[in-house]
């Protein structure tokens, strides 16, 4: 009975081979059985001509894992927003107009 109250034991993980990669772009595609998420770096700034985004990582998961991941990401973003405020994803709403230079 006491074991049920504590919940499941944590699953041991091995992080000795983990590789960290920064991504500010992702593309989500899939099949009826799997969800495919590609990550890459978008180096474009402002109104530059479109540059090819180099995709560097691909994660393929089944939809059960995708749903658990979506929930975990939602909870992490919710905690972040509670601590630091709402994250605005619309770039146009985040841009602050600078006052015109005075001569």
Protein backbone atom coordinates (compact mmCIF):
# COMPACT_ATOMS: atom_id res chain seq x y z
CA UNK A 1 0.00 0.00 0.00
CA UNK A 2 2.83 2.43 0.84
CA UNK A 3 4.47 1.81 -2.55
CA UNK A 4 1.28 2.84 -4.40
CA UNK A 5 1.17 6.15 -2.53
CA UNK A 6 4.69 7.09 -3.66
CA UNK A 7 4.01 6.56 -7.34
CA UNK A 8 6.20 4.85 -9.90
CA UNK A 9 9.94 4.63 -9.40
CA UNK A 10 11.94 6.99 -11.64
CA UNK A 11 13.41 5.37 -14.73
CA UNK A 12 17.22 5.42 -14.66
CA UNK A 13 18.80 7.29 -17.59
CA UNK A 14 22.35 7.38 -19.00
CA UNK A 15 23.37 10.89 -20.10
CA UNK A 16 27.01 10.02 -20.84
CA UNK A 17 26.51 10.20 -24.64
CA UNK A 18 24.11 13.14 -24.82
CA UNK A 19 24.81 15.85 -27.41
CA UNK A 20 23.34 19.33 -27.01
CA UNK A 21 22.40 21.26 -30.15
CA UNK A 22 20.77 24.69 -30.36
CA UNK A 23 17.78 25.07 -32.68
CA UNK A 24 15.52 28.02 -33.35
CA UNK A 25 13.58 26.33 -36.17
CA UNK A 26 11.59 23.14 -36.30
CA UNK A 27 9.47 21.38 -38.89
CA UNK A 28 6.87 18.78 -37.96
CA UNK A 29 5.75 16.11 -40.42
CA UNK A 30 4.62 12.55 -40.00
CA UNK A 31 3.07 9.34 -41.11
CA UNK A 32 0.03 7.56 -39.69
CA UNK A 33 2.38 5.73 -37.29
CA UNK A 34 5.06 8.30 -36.42
CA UNK A 35 5.70 11.97 -35.86
CA UNK A 36 8.89 13.41 -37.36
CA UNK A 37 10.38 16.60 -35.91
CA UNK A 38 13.35 18.18 -37.70
CA UNK A 39 15.44 20.86 -35.97
CA UNK A 40 17.80 23.43 -37.42
CA UNK A 41 19.26 26.91 -37.16
CA UNK A 42 17.61 29.86 -38.89
CA UNK A 43 20.38 32.47 -39.30
CA UNK A 44 18.19 35.05 -41.05
CA UNK A 45 17.91 38.42 -39.40
CA UNK A 46 15.37 41.06 -40.36
CA UNK A 47 14.28 41.33 -43.98
CA UNK A 48 17.22 39.56 -45.59
CA UNK A 49 16.75 37.45 -48.69
CA UNK A 50 15.61 33.93 -47.73
CA UNK A 51 18.50 31.69 -46.81
CA UNK A 52 18.33 27.90 -46.76
CA UNK A 53 17.87 26.58 -43.23
CA UNK A 54 20.22 23.69 -42.54
CA UNK A 55 18.40 20.95 -40.60
CA UNK A 56 20.72 19.20 -38.17
CA UNK A 57 18.65 16.87 -36.00
CA UNK A 58 15.65 14.61 -36.61
CA UNK A 59 13.61 13.03 -33.85
CA UNK A 60 11.08 10.33 -34.78
CA UNK A 61 8.54 9.26 -32.16
CA UNK A 62 5.27 7.37 -32.07
CA UNK A 63 2.15 9.39 -31.32
CA UNK A 64 1.92 8.15 -27.72
CA UNK A 65 5.40 9.54 -27.01
CA UNK A 66 4.55 12.71 -28.97
CA UNK A 67 1.51 13.29 -26.75
CA UNK A 68 3.59 12.83 -23.60
CA UNK A 69 6.22 15.20 -25.03
CA UNK A 70 3.56 17.80 -25.90
CA UNK A 71 2.24 17.64 -22.33
CA UNK A 72 5.74 17.93 -20.82
CA UNK A 73 6.58 20.92 -23.05
CA UNK A 74 3.26 22.58 -22.21
CA UNK A 75 3.93 22.21 -18.49
CA UNK A 76 7.50 23.54 -18.83
CA UNK A 77 6.35 26.62 -20.79
CA UNK A 78 3.52 27.21 -18.32
CA UNK A 79 5.97 27.17 -15.38
CA UNK A 80 8.30 29.54 -17.25
CA UNK A 81 5.46 31.98 -18.00
CA UNK A 82 4.31 31.90 -14.38
CA UNK A 83 7.81 32.89 -13.29
CA UNK A 84 8.77 35.33 -16.05
CA UNK A 85 5.59 36.41 -17.87
CA UNK A 86 3.81 35.50 -21.08
CA UNK A 87 5.92 34.49 -24.08
CA UNK A 88 4.74 36.31 -27.21
CA UNK A 89 5.35 34.15 -30.27
CA UNK A 90 4.26 36.80 -32.81
CA UNK A 91 7.49 38.61 -33.70
CA UNK A 92 5.60 41.72 -34.87
CA UNK A 93 4.07 42.12 -31.41
CA UNK A 94 7.50 41.80 -29.75
CA UNK A 95 9.21 44.43 -31.89
CA UNK A 96 9.42 47.75 -30.11
CA UNK A 97 9.33 50.78 -32.41
CA UNK A 98 12.38 52.98 -31.93
CA UNK A 99 11.88 56.74 -31.85
CA UNK A 100 13.07 58.57 -34.97
CA UNK A 101 16.56 60.06 -34.63
CA UNK A 102 16.46 63.75 -33.89
CA UNK A 103 18.65 66.04 -35.95
